[in-house]
Amino acid sequence: MKIYPEEFKEEIAKKHLMPGGKSISLLSRDVGVSEQSIRNWIYKYNNDTMNHNKSDFTLTKISDSEKLNILFESKTMPDDKKGIWLREKGLKTEHIKLWEEQLKDKLNDKDIKLREENKKLKEEVKSLQNELQRKEKALAEMSSLLMLKKNYRSLISGEED
């Protein structure tokens, strides 16, 4: 069993995944590696388990909104026309699946962050309401004391008259 360097595996995965890329069977014949091995390398590349830098990979430069639009378009596309549509766009079904997972993860992460932020804000509101209630009681108490003081003075000044 021959062991290939990660850079080689990454290069083969890129050749398949790039727009208009080569098929797995063609790559297998070209480099003399089994199709299953190439599929495994592509899987590892897509799932970021290879040591590679995807910044030079052209499809990663597509914005999330563009990916979302492509996902919506792919979902509305009939299955018999999807292959042609993907080739015209220079995409593969792996891209669509990968982007769908990435967007789901981002939405899930955002949802978790929003829930945490909401929980913190609710706690802050409760704390502020408690503080306001405490200050209202203190103000009412102070107002009562001022009224008593005023009444006391008027009683004392009234007794002297």
N, C-alpha and C. Protein backbone atom coordinates (compact mmCIF):
# COMPACT_ATOMS: atom_id res chain seq x y z
N MET A 1 0.84 -1.18 0.00
CA MET A 1 0.00 0.00 0.00
C MET A 1 0.89 1.24 0.00
N LYS A 2 0.69 2.09 -0.98
CA LYS A 2 1.49 3.29 -1.10
C LYS A 2 0.86 4.42 -0.29
N ILE A 3 1.69 5.18 0.39
CA ILE A 3 1.22 6.32 1.17
C ILE A 3 1.54 7.59 0.40
N TYR A 4 0.50 8.40 0.17
CA TYR A 4 0.65 9.63 -0.59
C TYR A 4 0.70 10.83 0.35
N PRO A 5 1.48 11.85 0.00
CA PRO A 5 1.54 13.05 0.84
C PRO A 5 0.20 13.80 0.80
N GLU A 6 -0.08 14.52 1.89
CA GLU A 6 -1.34 15.26 2.01
C GLU A 6 -1.50 16.27 0.88
N GLU A 7 -0.39 16.89 0.46
CA GLU A 7 -0.47 17.88 -0.62
C GLU A 7 -0.96 17.24 -1.92
N PHE A 8 -0.50 16.03 -2.18
CA PHE A 8 -0.93 15.29 -3.38
C PHE A 8 -2.42 14.99 -3.30
N LYS A 9 -2.86 14.51 -2.14
CA LYS A 9 -4.28 14.18 -1.96
C LYS A 9 -5.15 15.43 -2.13
N GLU A 10 -4.66 16.52 -1.56
CA GLU A 10 -5.39 17.78 -1.66
C GLU A 10 -5.50 18.24 -3.11
N GLU A 11 -4.42 18.13 -3.85
CA GLU A 11 -4.40 18.53 -5.26
C GLU A 11 -5.39 17.70 -6.08
N ILE A 12 -5.44 16.40 -5.82
CA ILE A 12 -6.39 15.54 -6.52
C ILE A 12 -7.82 15.94 -6.18
N ALA A 13 -8.09 16.21 -4.90
CA ALA A 13 -9.44 16.64 -4.48
C ALA A 13 -9.82 17.94 -5.17
N LYS A 14 -8.89 18.88 -5.24
CA LYS A 14 -9.15 20.16 -5.90
C LYS A 14 -9.45 19.96 -7.38
N LYS A 15 -8.71 19.07 -8.03
CA LYS A 15 -8.93 18.83 -9.46
C LYS A 15 -10.34 18.32 -9.71
N HIS A 16 -10.88 17.58 -8.77
CA HIS A 16 -12.25 17.08 -8.93
C HIS A 16 -13.28 18.16 -8.60
N LEU A 17 -13.03 18.93 -7.53
CA LEU A 17 -14.03 19.86 -7.03
C LEU A 17 -14.07 21.20 -7.75
N MET A 18 -13.01 21.56 -8.44
CA MET A 18 -13.00 22.86 -9.12
C MET A 18 -14.06 22.88 -10.23
N PRO A 19 -14.57 24.08 -10.55
CA PRO A 19 -15.57 24.16 -11.62
C PRO A 19 -15.04 23.51 -12.90
N GLY A 20 -15.83 22.63 -13.47
CA GLY A 20 -15.41 21.91 -14.67
C GLY A 20 -14.35 20.87 -14.38
N GLY A 21 -14.25 20.44 -13.11
CA GLY A 21 -13.22 19.50 -12.68
C GLY A 21 -13.37 18.12 -13.30
N LYS A 22 -12.33 17.34 -13.15
CA LYS A 22 -12.29 15.99 -13.72
C LYS A 22 -13.14 15.03 -12.89
N SER A 23 -13.65 14.01 -13.53
CA SER A 23 -14.43 12.99 -12.83
C SER A 23 -13.49 12.12 -12.00
N ILE A 24 -14.05 11.44 -11.03
CA ILE A 24 -13.26 10.57 -10.16
C ILE A 24 -12.64 9.43 -10.95
N SER A 25 -13.40 8.86 -11.87
CA SER A 25 -12.85 7.74 -12.65
C SER A 25 -11.70 8.20 -13.54
N LEU A 26 -11.80 9.40 -14.13
CA LEU A 26 -10.71 9.92 -14.96
C LEU A 26 -9.47 10.20 -14.11
N LEU A 27 -9.68 10.79 -12.95
CA LEU A 27 -8.54 11.06 -12.05
C LEU A 27 -7.89 9.74 -11.63
N SER A 28 -8.70 8.74 -11.35
CA SER A 28 -8.18 7.44 -10.94
C SER A 28 -7.27 6.86 -12.02
N ARG A 29 -7.72 6.93 -13.25
CA ARG A 29 -6.89 6.41 -14.35
C ARG A 29 -5.63 7.25 -14.55
N ASP A 30 -5.76 8.56 -14.42
CA ASP A 30 -4.61 9.46 -14.64
C ASP A 30 -3.49 9.23 -13.62
N VAL A 31 -3.85 9.09 -12.35
CA VAL A 31 -2.82 9.02 -11.31
C VAL A 31 -2.57 7.60 -10.81
N GLY A 32 -3.40 6.66 -11.22
CA GLY A 32 -3.18 5.28 -10.81
C GLY A 32 -3.56 4.99 -9.37
N VAL A 33 -4.61 5.65 -8.90
CA VAL A 33 -5.10 5.46 -7.53
C VAL A 33 -6.54 4.99 -7.64
N SER A 34 -6.98 4.15 -6.71
CA SER A 34 -8.34 3.63 -6.78
C SER A 34 -9.36 4.76 -6.62
N GLU A 35 -10.53 4.55 -7.22
CA GLU A 35 -11.59 5.56 -7.14
C GLU A 35 -12.02 5.79 -5.69
N GLN A 36 -12.09 4.72 -4.91
CA GLN A 36 -12.50 4.85 -3.51
C GLN A 36 -11.52 5.71 -2.73
N SER A 37 -10.22 5.55 -2.99
CA SER A 37 -9.22 6.38 -2.30
C SER A 37 -9.44 7.85 -2.63
N ILE A 38 -9.71 8.13 -3.89
CA ILE A 38 -9.95 9.53 -4.30
C ILE A 38 -11.22 10.05 -3.64
N ARG A 39 -12.26 9.22 -3.58
CA ARG A 39 -13.50 9.65 -2.88
C ARG A 39 -13.20 9.97 -1.42
N ASN A 40 -12.40 9.14 -0.79
CA ASN A 40 -12.03 9.39 0.61
C ASN A 40 -11.28 10.71 0.75
N TRP A 41 -10.36 10.98 -0.16
CA TRP A 41 -9.60 12.23 -0.11
C TRP A 41 -10.52 13.43 -0.30
N ILE A 42 -11.47 13.31 -1.22
CA ILE A 42 -12.42 14.41 -1.46
C ILE A 42 -13.27 14.63 -0.22
N TYR A 43 -13.70 13.54 0.40
CA TYR A 43 -14.50 13.65 1.62
C TYR A 43 -13.70 14.36 2.71
N LYS A 44 -12.45 13.96 2.89
CA LYS A 44 -11.59 14.59 3.90
C LYS A 44 -11.38 16.07 3.57
N TYR A 45 -11.17 16.37 2.31
CA TYR A 45 -10.96 17.75 1.90
C TYR A 45 -12.21 18.58 2.18
N ASN A 46 -13.38 18.06 1.82
CA ASN A 46 -14.63 18.78 2.04
C ASN A 46 -14.93 18.98 3.52
N ASN A 47 -14.55 18.04 4.33
CA ASN A 47 -14.83 18.12 5.76
C ASN A 47 -13.69 18.73 6.55
N ASP A 48 -12.75 19.33 5.84
CA ASP A 48 -11.67 20.09 6.45
C ASP A 48 -10.78 19.26 7.36
N THR A 49 -10.64 17.97 7.08
CA THR A 49 -9.77 17.14 7.91
C THR A 49 -8.38 17.01 7.32
N MET A 50 -8.19 17.51 6.11
CA MET A 50 -6.85 17.52 5.53
C MET A 50 -6.15 18.81 5.93
N ASN A 51 -4.85 18.78 5.99
CA ASN A 51 -4.09 20.00 6.20
C ASN A 51 -4.02 20.75 4.89
N HIS A 52 -4.94 21.65 4.69
CA HIS A 52 -4.92 22.40 3.44
C HIS A 52 -5.43 23.81 3.66
N ASN A 53 -5.16 24.64 2.69
CA ASN A 53 -5.60 26.02 2.74
C ASN A 53 -6.62 26.21 1.62
N LYS A 54 -7.87 26.35 1.98
CA LYS A 54 -8.91 26.47 0.97
C LYS A 54 -9.05 27.89 0.44
N SER A 55 -8.26 28.83 0.93
CA SER A 55 -8.44 30.21 0.51
C SER A 55 -8.18 30.40 -0.97
N ASP A 56 -7.36 29.54 -1.56
CA ASP A 56 -7.09 29.66 -2.99
C ASP A 56 -8.13 28.93 -3.83
N PHE A 57 -9.02 28.23 -3.19
CA PHE A 57 -10.04 27.47 -3.90
C PHE A 57 -11.16 28.43 -4.30
N THR A 58 -11.44 28.53 -5.58
CA THR A 58 -12.33 29.57 -6.10
C THR A 58 -13.75 29.50 -5.54
N LEU A 59 -14.27 28.32 -5.27
CA LEU A 59 -15.64 28.22 -4.81
C LEU A 59 -15.83 28.73 -3.39
N THR A 60 -14.77 28.82 -2.62
CA THR A 60 -14.92 29.34 -1.26
C THR A 60 -15.06 30.85 -1.25
N LYS A 61 -14.81 31.48 -2.39
CA LYS A 61 -14.94 32.92 -2.47
C LYS A 61 -16.39 33.34 -2.70
N ILE A 62 -17.26 32.38 -2.86
CA ILE A 62 -18.68 32.67 -3.04
C ILE A 62 -19.26 33.06 -1.69
N SER A 63 -20.00 34.18 -1.67
CA SER A 63 -20.57 34.66 -0.41
C SER A 63 -21.69 33.73 0.06
N ASP A 64 -22.02 33.85 1.34
CA ASP A 64 -23.08 33.02 1.91
C ASP A 64 -24.42 33.29 1.24
N SER A 65 -24.67 34.55 0.88
CA SER A 65 -25.95 34.86 0.23
C SER A 65 -26.02 34.23 -1.16
N GLU A 66 -24.89 34.22 -1.87
CA GLU A 66 -24.86 33.56 -3.18
C GLU A 66 -25.05 32.05 -3.02
N LYS A 67 -24.41 31.48 -2.00
CA LYS A 67 -24.58 30.05 -1.74
C LYS A 67 -26.04 29.73 -1.44
N LEU A 68 -26.66 30.60 -0.65
CA LEU A 68 -28.07 30.38 -0.29
C LEU A 68 -28.95 30.45 -1.54
N ASN A 69 -28.69 31.43 -2.40
CA ASN A 69 -29.46 31.54 -3.65
C ASN A 69 -29.28 30.29 -4.51
N ILE A 70 -28.05 29.80 -4.60
CA ILE A 70 -27.79 28.58 -5.37
C ILE A 70 -28.51 27.39 -4.75
N LEU A 71 -28.51 27.32 -3.41
CA LEU A 71 -29.21 26.23 -2.72
C LEU A 71 -30.71 26.27 -3.03
N PHE A 72 -31.31 27.48 -2.95
CA PHE A 72 -32.73 27.60 -3.25
C PHE A 72 -33.01 27.18 -4.69
N GLU A 73 -32.16 27.65 -5.58
CA GLU A 73 -32.34 27.32 -6.99
C GLU A 73 -32.21 25.80 -7.22
N SER A 74 -31.26 25.19 -6.52
CA SER A 74 -31.07 23.74 -6.70
C SER A 74 -32.24 22.95 -6.15
N LYS A 75 -32.88 23.45 -5.10
CA LYS A 75 -34.02 22.75 -4.52
C LYS A 75 -35.25 22.81 -5.43
N THR A 76 -35.35 23.88 -6.22
CA THR A 76 -36.49 24.02 -7.12
C THR A 76 -36.26 23.35 -8.47
N MET A 77 -35.01 22.95 -8.71
CA MET A 77 -34.63 22.36 -9.99
C MET A 77 -35.10 20.91 -10.05
N PRO A 78 -35.77 20.51 -11.14
CA PRO A 78 -36.15 19.10 -11.28
C PRO A 78 -34.90 18.22 -11.36
N ASP A 79 -34.98 17.02 -10.82
CA ASP A 79 -33.83 16.12 -10.76
C ASP A 79 -33.23 15.81 -12.13
N ASP A 80 -34.08 15.70 -13.15
CA ASP A 80 -33.56 15.35 -14.47
C ASP A 80 -32.77 16.49 -15.11
N LYS A 81 -32.96 17.73 -14.64
CA LYS A 81 -32.23 18.87 -15.20
C LYS A 81 -31.12 19.36 -14.28
N LYS A 82 -31.09 18.82 -13.06
CA LYS A 82 -30.13 19.31 -12.07
C LYS A 82 -28.68 19.09 -12.50
N GLY A 83 -28.37 17.95 -13.11
CA GLY A 83 -27.01 17.66 -13.54
C GLY A 83 -26.50 18.68 -14.56
N ILE A 84 -27.34 19.00 -15.53
CA ILE A 84 -26.98 19.99 -16.55
C ILE A 84 -26.79 21.35 -15.91
N TRP A 85 -27.72 21.70 -15.04
CA TRP A 85 -27.64 22.99 -14.34
C TRP A 85 -26.35 23.09 -13.53
N LEU A 86 -26.00 22.02 -12.82
CA LEU A 86 -24.77 22.03 -12.02
C LEU A 86 -23.54 22.21 -12.91
N ARG A 87 -23.50 21.50 -14.04
CA ARG A 87 -22.35 21.63 -14.95
C ARG A 87 -22.25 23.04 -15.50
N GLU A 88 -23.39 23.65 -15.82
CA GLU A 88 -23.38 25.02 -16.33
C GLU A 88 -22.82 25.99 -15.29
N LYS A 89 -23.12 25.73 -14.03
CA LYS A 89 -22.63 26.58 -12.94
C LYS A 89 -21.21 26.22 -12.52
N GLY A 90 -20.71 25.08 -13.04
CA GLY A 90 -19.38 24.64 -12.64
C GLY A 90 -19.36 24.06 -11.23
N LEU A 91 -20.46 23.44 -10.85
CA LEU A 91 -20.61 22.90 -9.50
C LEU A 91 -20.79 21.39 -9.54
N LYS A 92 -20.69 20.80 -8.37
CA LYS A 92 -20.95 19.37 -8.20
C LYS A 92 -21.93 19.23 -7.04
N THR A 93 -22.58 18.08 -6.98
CA THR A 93 -23.56 17.87 -5.91
C THR A 93 -22.89 17.97 -4.53
N GLU A 94 -21.60 17.63 -4.46
CA GLU A 94 -20.87 17.74 -3.19
C GLU A 94 -20.85 19.18 -2.69
N HIS A 95 -20.74 20.14 -3.62
CA HIS A 95 -20.74 21.55 -3.23
C HIS A 95 -22.06 21.93 -2.58
N ILE A 96 -23.14 21.51 -3.22
CA ILE A 96 -24.47 21.84 -2.71
C ILE A 96 -24.65 21.26 -1.30
N LYS A 97 -24.28 19.99 -1.13
CA LYS A 97 -24.42 19.35 0.18
C LYS A 97 -23.54 20.04 1.22
N LEU A 98 -22.31 20.35 0.85
CA LEU A 98 -21.38 21.00 1.76
C LEU A 98 -21.90 22.38 2.18
N TRP A 99 -22.36 23.17 1.22
CA TRP A 99 -22.87 24.51 1.52
C TRP A 99 -24.12 24.44 2.39
N GLU A 100 -24.96 23.47 2.12
CA GLU A 100 -26.17 23.31 2.92
C GLU A 100 -25.79 23.04 4.39
N GLU A 101 -24.83 22.15 4.59
CA GLU A 101 -24.37 21.86 5.95
C GLU A 101 -23.72 23.09 6.60
N GLN A 102 -22.90 23.81 5.83
CA GLN A 102 -22.25 25.01 6.36
C GLN A 102 -23.27 26.05 6.79
N LEU A 103 -24.26 26.28 5.94
CA LEU A 103 -25.28 27.27 6.26
C LEU A 103 -26.15 26.84 7.44
N LYS A 104 -26.44 25.54 7.53
CA LYS A 104 -27.20 25.03 8.68
C LYS A 104 -26.41 25.26 9.96
N ASP A 105 -25.10 24.96 9.91
CA ASP A 105 -24.26 25.16 11.08
C ASP A 105 -24.21 26.63 11.49
N LYS A 106 -24.08 27.51 10.51
CA LYS A 106 -24.04 28.95 10.82
C LYS A 106 -25.35 29.41 11.44
N LEU A 107 -26.47 28.97 10.87
CA LEU A 107 -27.76 29.34 11.41
C LEU A 107 -27.95 28.79 12.82
N ASN A 108 -27.51 27.57 13.04
CA ASN A 108 -27.62 26.96 14.35
C ASN A 108 -26.77 27.73 15.37
N ASP A 109 -25.54 28.07 14.97
CA ASP A 109 -24.66 28.85 15.86
C ASP A 109 -25.27 30.20 16.17
N LYS A 110 -25.83 30.84 15.15
CA LYS A 110 -26.44 32.15 15.35
C LYS A 110 -27.65 32.04 16.26
N ASP A 111 -28.43 30.98 16.08
CA ASP A 111 -29.61 30.76 16.91
C ASP A 111 -29.20 30.57 18.37
N ILE A 112 -28.15 29.81 18.60
CA ILE A 112 -27.66 29.59 19.96
C ILE A 112 -27.19 30.91 20.57
N LYS A 113 -26.45 31.70 19.80
CA LYS A 113 -25.96 32.99 20.30
C LYS A 113 -27.13 33.92 20.62
N LEU A 114 -28.15 33.94 19.75
CA LEU A 114 -29.31 34.80 19.99
C LEU A 114 -30.06 34.37 21.24
N ARG A 115 -30.19 33.07 21.45
CA ARG A 115 -30.87 32.58 22.65
C ARG A 115 -30.10 32.97 23.92
N GLU A 116 -28.77 32.84 23.86
CA GLU A 116 -27.95 33.22 25.01
C GLU A 116 -28.07 34.71 25.28
N GLU A 117 -28.03 35.51 24.21
CA GLU A 117 -28.15 36.96 24.36
C GLU A 117 -29.53 37.32 24.91
N ASN A 118 -30.56 36.65 24.42
CA ASN A 118 -31.92 36.88 24.90
C ASN A 118 -32.03 36.56 26.38
N LYS A 119 -31.42 35.45 26.80
CA LYS A 119 -31.45 35.05 28.21
C LYS A 119 -30.77 36.10 29.08
N LYS A 120 -29.60 36.60 28.62
CA LYS A 120 -28.88 37.62 29.37
C LYS A 120 -29.70 38.90 29.47
N LEU A 121 -30.35 39.27 28.36
CA LEU A 121 -31.16 40.49 28.37
C LEU A 121 -32.36 40.35 29.30
N LYS A 122 -32.97 39.18 29.32
CA LYS A 122 -34.09 38.95 30.24
C LYS A 122 -33.65 39.07 31.69
N GLU A 123 -32.47 38.50 31.99
CA GLU A 123 -31.93 38.60 33.36
C GLU A 123 -31.65 40.06 33.71
N GLU A 124 -31.11 40.81 32.76
CA GLU A 124 -30.82 42.23 32.99
C GLU A 124 -32.09 43.02 33.22
N VAL A 125 -33.13 42.74 32.43
CA VAL A 125 -34.42 43.41 32.60
C VAL A 125 -34.99 43.11 33.98
N LYS A 126 -34.93 41.86 34.39
CA LYS A 126 -35.44 41.47 35.71
C LYS A 126 -34.69 42.19 36.81
N SER A 127 -33.36 42.25 36.67
CA SER A 127 -32.54 42.95 37.65
C SER A 127 -32.89 44.43 37.70
N LEU A 128 -33.07 45.05 36.54
CA LEU A 128 -33.42 46.47 36.49
C LEU A 128 -34.81 46.73 37.06
N GLN A 129 -35.76 45.81 36.82
CA GLN A 129 -37.10 45.95 37.38
C GLN A 129 -37.06 45.86 38.90
N ASN A 130 -36.25 44.92 39.42
CA ASN A 130 -36.11 44.79 40.88
C ASN A 130 -35.51 46.06 41.47
N GLU A 131 -34.49 46.59 40.81
CA GLU A 131 -33.85 47.82 41.29
C GLU A 131 -34.84 49.00 41.24
N LEU A 132 -35.61 49.09 40.18
CA LEU A 132 -36.61 50.16 40.05
C LEU A 132 -37.66 50.03 41.15
N GLN A 133 -38.09 48.81 41.41
CA GLN A 133 -39.09 48.58 42.47
C GLN A 133 -38.52 48.99 43.83
N ARG A 134 -37.26 48.65 44.08
CA ARG A 134 -36.62 49.02 45.33
C ARG A 134 -36.53 50.55 45.47
N LYS A 135 -36.17 51.22 44.38
CA LYS A 135 -36.05 52.68 44.41
C LYS A 135 -37.41 53.35 44.56
N GLU A 136 -38.45 52.78 43.96
CA GLU A 136 -39.81 53.32 44.11
C GLU A 136 -40.26 53.22 45.56
N LYS A 137 -39.96 52.10 46.20
CA LYS A 137 -40.30 51.94 47.62
C LYS A 137 -39.55 52.97 48.48
N ALA A 138 -38.27 53.15 48.18
CA ALA A 138 -37.47 54.13 48.93
C ALA A 138 -38.01 55.53 48.72
N LEU A 139 -38.42 55.85 47.51
CA LEU A 139 -38.98 57.16 47.20
C LEU A 139 -40.31 57.36 47.94
N ALA A 140 -41.14 56.34 47.96
CA ALA A 140 -42.42 56.43 48.67
C ALA A 140 -42.17 56.61 50.17
N GLU A 141 -41.20 55.90 50.69
CA GLU A 141 -40.84 56.02 52.10
C GLU A 141 -40.35 57.43 52.41
N MET A 142 -39.50 57.95 51.54
CA MET A 142 -38.95 59.30 51.71
C MET A 142 -40.06 60.33 51.64
N SER A 143 -40.99 60.14 50.72
CA SER A 143 -42.12 61.06 50.58
C SER A 143 -42.97 61.05 51.85
N SER A 144 -43.20 59.87 52.40
CA SER A 144 -43.98 59.76 53.64
C SER A 144 -43.26 60.47 54.78
N LEU A 145 -41.94 60.29 54.87
CA LEU A 145 -41.18 60.95 55.93
C LEU A 145 -41.24 62.47 55.79
N LEU A 146 -41.16 62.97 54.58
CA LEU A 146 -41.24 64.42 54.36
C LEU A 146 -42.61 64.94 54.76
N MET A 147 -43.66 64.20 54.42
CA MET A 147 -45.02 64.61 54.81
C MET A 147 -45.18 64.61 56.33
N LEU A 148 -44.63 63.58 56.98
CA LEU A 148 -44.70 63.53 58.44
C LEU A 148 -43.95 64.71 59.06
N LYS A 149 -42.78 65.01 58.51
CA LYS A 149 -41.98 66.12 59.02
C LYS A 149 -42.75 67.44 58.86
N LYS A 150 -43.39 67.62 57.71
CA LYS A 150 -44.16 68.83 57.44
C LYS A 150 -45.35 68.92 58.40
N ASN A 151 -46.05 67.79 58.56
CA ASN A 151 -47.20 67.77 59.48
C ASN A 151 -46.75 68.03 60.92
N TYR A 152 -45.62 67.48 61.31
CA TYR A 152 -45.08 67.68 62.65
C TYR A 152 -44.78 69.15 62.89
N ARG A 153 -44.15 69.80 61.92
CA ARG A 153 -43.82 71.22 62.03
C ARG A 153 -45.10 72.07 62.12
N SER A 154 -46.10 71.72 61.31
CA SER A 154 -47.33 72.51 61.35
C SER A 154 -48.05 72.29 62.68
N LEU A 155 -47.98 71.10 63.26
CA LEU A 155 -48.59 70.85 64.56
C LEU A 155 -47.87 71.62 65.64
N ILE A 156 -46.56 71.63 65.58
CA ILE A 156 -45.77 72.34 66.59
C ILE A 156 -45.97 73.83 66.45
N SER A 157 -45.96 74.33 65.26
CA SER A 157 -46.16 75.78 65.09
C SER A 157 -47.60 76.15 65.41
N GLY A 158 -48.56 75.24 65.19
CA GLY A 158 -49.96 75.48 65.51
C GLY A 158 -50.18 75.48 67.02
N GLU A 159 -49.47 74.70 67.79
CA GLU A 159 -49.63 74.66 69.22
C GLU A 159 -49.10 75.92 69.87
N GLU A 160 -48.06 76.48 69.26
CA GLU A 160 -47.47 77.69 69.83
C GLU A 160 -48.36 78.88 69.61
N ASP A 161 -49.20 78.88 68.56
CA ASP A 161 -50.04 80.03 68.28
C ASP A 161 -51.20 80.12 69.18
